[in-house]
Amino acid sequence: MPKGAWKEYFVFSKRERVAVFVLLTLMAVFISLSFFYTPVFEAPVIDQAVQQKLTQLAQNNTKDSPTAGTDNDSSGNTHIPERPKHSAAKKEQFYFDPNTISIDGWKRLGFRDKTIANILHYRNQVGKFNKPEDLYNVPRIRKKAVAAILPFVRFGAVYAQKNDLVPQHPAVAPLTVKAHYKTIDVNAATPDDFKAFPGMTDAVANRIVKFRASINGFSSVDDVAKTYGLHDSTFKIMRPYLSISPK
């Protein structure tokens, strides 16, 4: 670029200077208007006669509609009452035979329709439950739900009616059915000895024995509860029948 050529970009003709002056003047005018001009909005006019007719029509439609129990306030607005929230069915406790109990009985125990369908399908495939802990083998069943009902399994029991529920005081924890089991030594018991208790599966019974071997024997009866996969409800049932011998 020749020396001093940049100065040519700042040289304007008279017509160009006038155009720039007019453009800047218009910009200044429009910017100033935004500070001095305040728009005025008029409130809408409400025809009271029309409003009364609309309110009357809404009330008539409400009386004739299936939702006639709705409320109307002084302004004519219709309020539909909220539907009560669905509350889960209260679980009941009673003695039952898992091979003969009906769908209604499973619902009273607190199981949902999908879980009941899985139980019935498993029962039809296998033929019958041979022991209470077989309920753990039902596909997609909650282990905690099974542990809660195991103490009430009674093979050959007649389906319980409403007045056959297990009695319990409202201020006392849910009743645990007491049964008589053989007392076992936790440091000498075999997997079969542990499987005699309700809620104990083959896998957990074998795991107790392996866990005992890994720590060179249990130091106390409560160490059994540290076995991975052993439910608290199962251990509470077997705890009174556990003893320990020195290592």
Protein backbone atom coordinates (compact mmCIF):
# COMPACT_ATOMS: atom_id res chain seq x y z
CA MET A 1 0.00 0.00 0.00
CA PRO A 2 1.47 3.42 -0.95
CA LYS A 3 2.44 5.62 1.96
CA GLY A 4 -0.49 7.75 3.17
CA ALA A 5 -3.06 5.80 1.12
CA TRP A 6 -5.12 4.99 4.25
CA LYS A 7 -6.09 8.63 4.55
CA GLU A 8 -8.28 8.27 1.46
CA TYR A 9 -10.73 6.11 3.48
CA PHE A 10 -11.55 9.13 5.65
CA VAL A 11 -12.11 11.62 2.83
CA PHE A 12 -15.85 12.15 2.07
CA SER A 13 -17.66 14.21 -0.50
CA LYS A 14 -20.21 16.84 0.51
CA ARG A 15 -23.14 14.55 -0.39
CA GLU A 16 -21.69 11.73 1.71
CA ARG A 17 -21.20 14.01 4.71
CA VAL A 18 -24.84 15.16 4.47
CA ALA A 19 -26.06 11.57 4.31
CA VAL A 20 -24.05 10.58 7.38
CA PHE A 21 -25.34 13.63 9.29
CA VAL A 22 -28.97 12.78 8.41
CA LEU A 23 -28.49 9.13 9.44
CA LEU A 24 -27.00 10.07 12.80
CA THR A 25 -29.80 12.58 13.39
CA LEU A 26 -32.50 9.96 12.72
CA MET A 27 -30.79 7.47 15.05
CA ALA A 28 -30.66 10.07 17.83
CA VAL A 29 -34.36 10.90 17.33
CA PHE A 30 -35.51 7.27 17.54
CA ILE A 31 -33.34 6.58 20.59
CA SER A 32 -34.74 9.67 22.35
CA LEU A 33 -38.34 8.63 21.64
CA SER A 34 -37.88 5.43 23.62
CA PHE A 35 -37.21 7.48 26.75
CA PHE A 36 -40.12 9.92 26.39
CA TYR A 37 -42.86 7.75 24.91
CA THR A 38 -44.91 5.66 27.34
CA PRO A 39 -47.54 3.31 25.83
CA VAL A 40 -51.00 3.50 27.36
CA PHE A 41 -53.03 0.29 27.70
CA GLU A 42 -56.74 0.47 28.32
CA ALA A 43 -58.36 -2.09 30.59
CA PRO A 44 -60.75 -4.45 28.77
CA VAL A 45 -64.42 -3.69 29.11
CA ILE A 46 -66.41 -6.52 30.72
CA ASP A 47 -70.05 -6.81 29.76
CA GLN A 48 -71.76 -7.85 33.00
CA ALA A 49 -74.83 -9.20 31.21
CA VAL A 50 -72.75 -11.50 29.02
CA GLN A 51 -70.70 -12.59 32.03
CA GLN A 52 -73.84 -13.56 33.96
CA LYS A 53 -75.13 -15.63 31.04
CA LEU A 54 -71.80 -17.46 30.74
CA THR A 55 -71.83 -18.20 34.47
CA GLN A 56 -75.41 -19.53 34.29
CA LEU A 57 -74.53 -21.75 31.31
CA ALA A 58 -71.51 -23.14 33.16
CA GLN A 59 -73.64 -23.96 36.20
CA ASN A 60 -76.28 -25.72 34.06
CA ASN A 61 -73.62 -27.78 32.25
CA THR A 62 -72.12 -28.76 35.58
CA LYS A 63 -75.46 -30.05 36.90
CA ASP A 64 -76.08 -32.11 33.74
CA SER A 65 -72.53 -33.51 33.47
CA PRO A 66 -71.30 -36.72 35.19
CA THR A 67 -69.07 -34.57 37.40
CA ALA A 68 -72.04 -32.88 39.03
CA GLY A 69 -70.29 -32.94 42.37
CA THR A 70 -67.96 -30.07 41.47
CA ASP A 71 -68.00 -26.78 43.38
CA ASN A 72 -68.50 -23.25 42.02
CA ASP A 73 -67.12 -20.13 43.65
CA SER A 74 -68.58 -16.61 43.52
CA SER A 75 -66.71 -15.75 40.32
CA GLY A 76 -68.34 -18.59 38.42
CA ASN A 77 -65.15 -20.68 38.16
CA THR A 78 -65.73 -24.40 38.38
CA HIS A 79 -63.49 -26.40 40.73
CA ILE A 80 -63.29 -30.14 40.26
CA PRO A 81 -62.51 -31.91 43.54
CA GLU A 82 -59.24 -33.81 43.62
CA ARG A 83 -59.43 -37.56 43.39
CA PRO A 84 -58.34 -39.35 46.52
CA LYS A 85 -54.85 -40.76 46.21
CA HIS A 86 -54.60 -44.51 45.88
CA SER A 87 -53.47 -46.09 49.10
CA ALA A 88 -51.71 -49.43 49.17
CA ALA A 89 -53.69 -52.33 50.57
CA LYS A 90 -52.93 -53.12 54.18
CA LYS A 91 -50.94 -56.31 54.60
CA GLU A 92 -52.52 -59.04 56.69
CA GLN A 93 -50.92 -61.89 58.60
CA PHE A 94 -52.50 -65.34 58.75
CA TYR A 95 -51.50 -68.96 58.38
CA PHE A 96 -51.70 -70.23 54.80
CA ASP A 97 -50.70 -73.07 52.50
CA PRO A 98 -48.81 -71.68 49.46
CA ASN A 99 -50.05 -74.61 47.37
CA THR A 100 -53.75 -73.91 47.91
CA ILE A 101 -54.09 -70.23 48.76
CA SER A 102 -56.16 -68.26 46.25
CA ILE A 103 -55.37 -65.03 44.40
CA ASP A 104 -57.40 -63.08 46.98
CA GLY A 105 -55.28 -64.61 49.73
CA TRP A 106 -52.04 -63.54 48.06
CA LYS A 107 -53.45 -60.01 47.76
CA ARG A 108 -54.29 -59.98 51.47
CA LEU A 109 -50.67 -60.90 52.14
CA GLY A 110 -49.64 -57.74 50.29
CA PHE A 111 -48.51 -59.09 46.90
CA ARG A 112 -49.21 -57.27 43.65
CA ASP A 113 -50.96 -58.76 40.63
CA LYS A 114 -47.76 -59.26 38.62
CA THR A 115 -46.04 -61.03 41.50
CA ILE A 116 -49.11 -63.22 42.08
CA ALA A 117 -49.08 -64.17 38.39
CA ASN A 118 -45.41 -65.19 38.70
CA ILE A 119 -46.20 -67.26 41.82
CA LEU A 120 -49.07 -69.12 40.15
CA HIS A 121 -47.05 -69.69 36.99
CA TYR A 122 -44.16 -71.11 39.01
CA ARG A 123 -46.54 -73.27 41.05
CA ASN A 124 -48.13 -74.67 37.88
CA GLN A 125 -44.75 -75.45 36.34
CA VAL A 126 -43.13 -77.07 39.38
CA GLY A 127 -46.30 -78.67 40.71
CA LYS A 128 -46.16 -77.50 44.32
CA PHE A 129 -44.00 -75.89 46.95
CA ASN A 130 -42.24 -78.54 49.04
CA LYS A 131 -40.84 -76.21 51.70
CA PRO A 132 -41.43 -72.57 52.68
CA GLU A 133 -38.12 -71.32 51.28
CA ASP A 134 -39.14 -72.55 47.81
CA LEU A 135 -40.95 -69.24 47.53
CA TYR A 136 -37.56 -67.59 47.01
CA ASN A 137 -37.33 -69.42 43.68
CA VAL A 138 -40.28 -67.52 42.19
CA PRO A 139 -38.94 -65.21 39.45
CA ARG A 140 -38.81 -61.48 40.29
CA ILE A 141 -40.24 -61.87 43.78
CA ARG A 142 -38.97 -59.58 46.54
CA LYS A 143 -36.81 -61.39 49.08
CA LYS A 144 -38.01 -59.16 51.93
CA ALA A 145 -41.64 -59.92 51.11
CA VAL A 146 -40.94 -63.66 51.21
CA ALA A 147 -39.04 -63.39 54.49
CA ALA A 148 -42.01 -61.59 56.04
CA ILE A 149 -44.50 -64.38 55.25
CA LEU A 150 -42.32 -67.46 55.81
CA PRO A 151 -43.23 -67.79 59.53
CA PHE A 152 -46.90 -68.11 58.53
CA VAL A 153 -46.49 -70.92 55.99
CA ARG A 154 -48.40 -74.00 57.12
CA PHE A 155 -48.73 -76.82 54.61
CA GLY A 156 -52.22 -78.28 54.79
CA ALA A 157 -53.65 -75.18 56.45
CA VAL A 158 -57.17 -74.15 55.46
CA TYR A 159 -57.47 -70.75 53.79
CA ALA A 160 -57.89 -68.20 56.56
CA GLN A 161 -60.94 -65.99 56.74
CA LYS A 162 -61.02 -62.46 58.10
CA ASN A 163 -61.50 -63.63 61.69
CA ASP A 164 -58.56 -66.05 61.45
CA LEU A 165 -55.89 -63.35 61.32
CA VAL A 166 -52.92 -63.72 63.61
CA PRO A 167 -53.81 -61.67 66.74
CA GLN A 168 -51.47 -58.88 67.69
CA HIS A 169 -51.66 -55.82 69.92
CA PRO A 170 -51.31 -52.46 68.12
CA ALA A 171 -48.55 -51.38 70.48
CA VAL A 172 -46.57 -54.59 70.01
CA ALA A 173 -44.35 -55.55 67.08
CA PRO A 174 -45.85 -57.99 64.54
CA LEU A 175 -46.21 -61.46 65.97
CA THR A 176 -43.53 -64.01 65.04
CA VAL A 177 -44.82 -67.53 64.91
CA LYS A 178 -42.77 -69.75 67.19
CA ALA A 179 -41.80 -73.18 65.97
CA HIS A 180 -39.64 -75.90 67.46
CA TYR A 181 -36.34 -76.53 65.72
CA LYS A 182 -33.31 -78.59 66.65
CA THR A 183 -30.57 -76.68 68.44
CA ILE A 184 -27.37 -76.73 66.39
CA ASP A 185 -23.74 -75.85 67.02
CA VAL A 186 -22.78 -73.09 64.59
CA ASN A 187 -19.17 -74.34 64.47
CA ALA A 188 -20.14 -77.92 63.66
CA ALA A 189 -23.44 -77.61 61.75
CA THR A 190 -23.69 -78.71 58.14
CA PRO A 191 -25.51 -76.83 55.36
CA ASP A 192 -28.46 -79.21 55.80
CA ASP A 193 -28.71 -78.23 59.48
CA PHE A 194 -29.00 -74.57 58.54
CA LYS A 195 -31.52 -75.31 55.76
CA ALA A 196 -33.97 -76.62 58.37
CA PHE A 197 -34.87 -73.03 59.26
CA PRO A 198 -37.51 -71.13 57.23
CA GLY A 199 -36.15 -68.61 54.77
CA MET A 200 -32.81 -70.40 54.42
CA THR A 201 -31.84 -71.22 50.85
CA ASP A 202 -29.24 -73.74 49.70
CA ALA A 203 -26.92 -70.95 48.57
CA VAL A 204 -27.02 -69.11 51.90
CA ALA A 205 -26.60 -72.31 53.94
CA ASN A 206 -23.48 -73.21 51.96
CA ARG A 207 -22.25 -69.64 52.27
CA ILE A 208 -22.48 -69.80 56.07
CA VAL A 209 -20.24 -72.87 56.14
CA LYS A 210 -17.73 -71.29 53.74
CA PHE A 211 -17.71 -68.08 55.75
CA ARG A 212 -17.10 -70.08 58.95
CA ALA A 213 -14.11 -71.82 57.34
CA SER A 214 -12.65 -68.53 56.09
CA ILE A 215 -12.53 -67.06 59.61
CA ASN A 216 -11.47 -70.32 61.29
CA GLY A 217 -14.77 -70.74 63.12
CA PHE A 218 -17.29 -68.39 64.66
CA SER A 219 -16.37 -66.55 67.84
CA SER A 220 -20.00 -65.98 68.78
CA VAL A 221 -23.44 -66.97 67.60
CA ASP A 222 -24.07 -63.45 66.30
CA ASP A 223 -21.19 -63.83 63.83
CA VAL A 224 -23.51 -65.98 61.72
CA ALA A 225 -25.58 -62.87 60.96
CA LYS A 226 -22.54 -61.39 59.15
CA THR A 227 -22.94 -63.94 56.35
CA TYR A 228 -23.63 -62.21 53.06
CA GLY A 229 -27.21 -62.76 51.86
CA LEU A 230 -28.60 -63.92 55.21
CA HIS A 231 -31.76 -61.91 55.96
CA ASP A 232 -32.28 -60.44 59.42
CA SER A 233 -35.75 -61.98 59.65
CA THR A 234 -34.32 -65.45 59.02
CA PHE A 235 -31.55 -64.99 61.57
CA LYS A 236 -34.04 -63.80 64.22
CA ILE A 237 -35.99 -67.04 63.79
CA MET A 238 -32.94 -69.29 64.05
CA ARG A 239 -31.09 -67.28 66.75
CA PRO A 240 -32.72 -69.02 69.78
CA TYR A 241 -31.69 -72.43 68.41
CA LEU A 242 -28.01 -71.65 67.81
CA SER A 243 -25.26 -72.63 70.19
CA ILE A 244 -21.49 -72.42 69.97
CA SER A 245 -18.62 -74.61 71.02
CA PRO A 246 -15.02 -73.47 71.56
CA LYS A 247 -12.86 -73.30 68.46
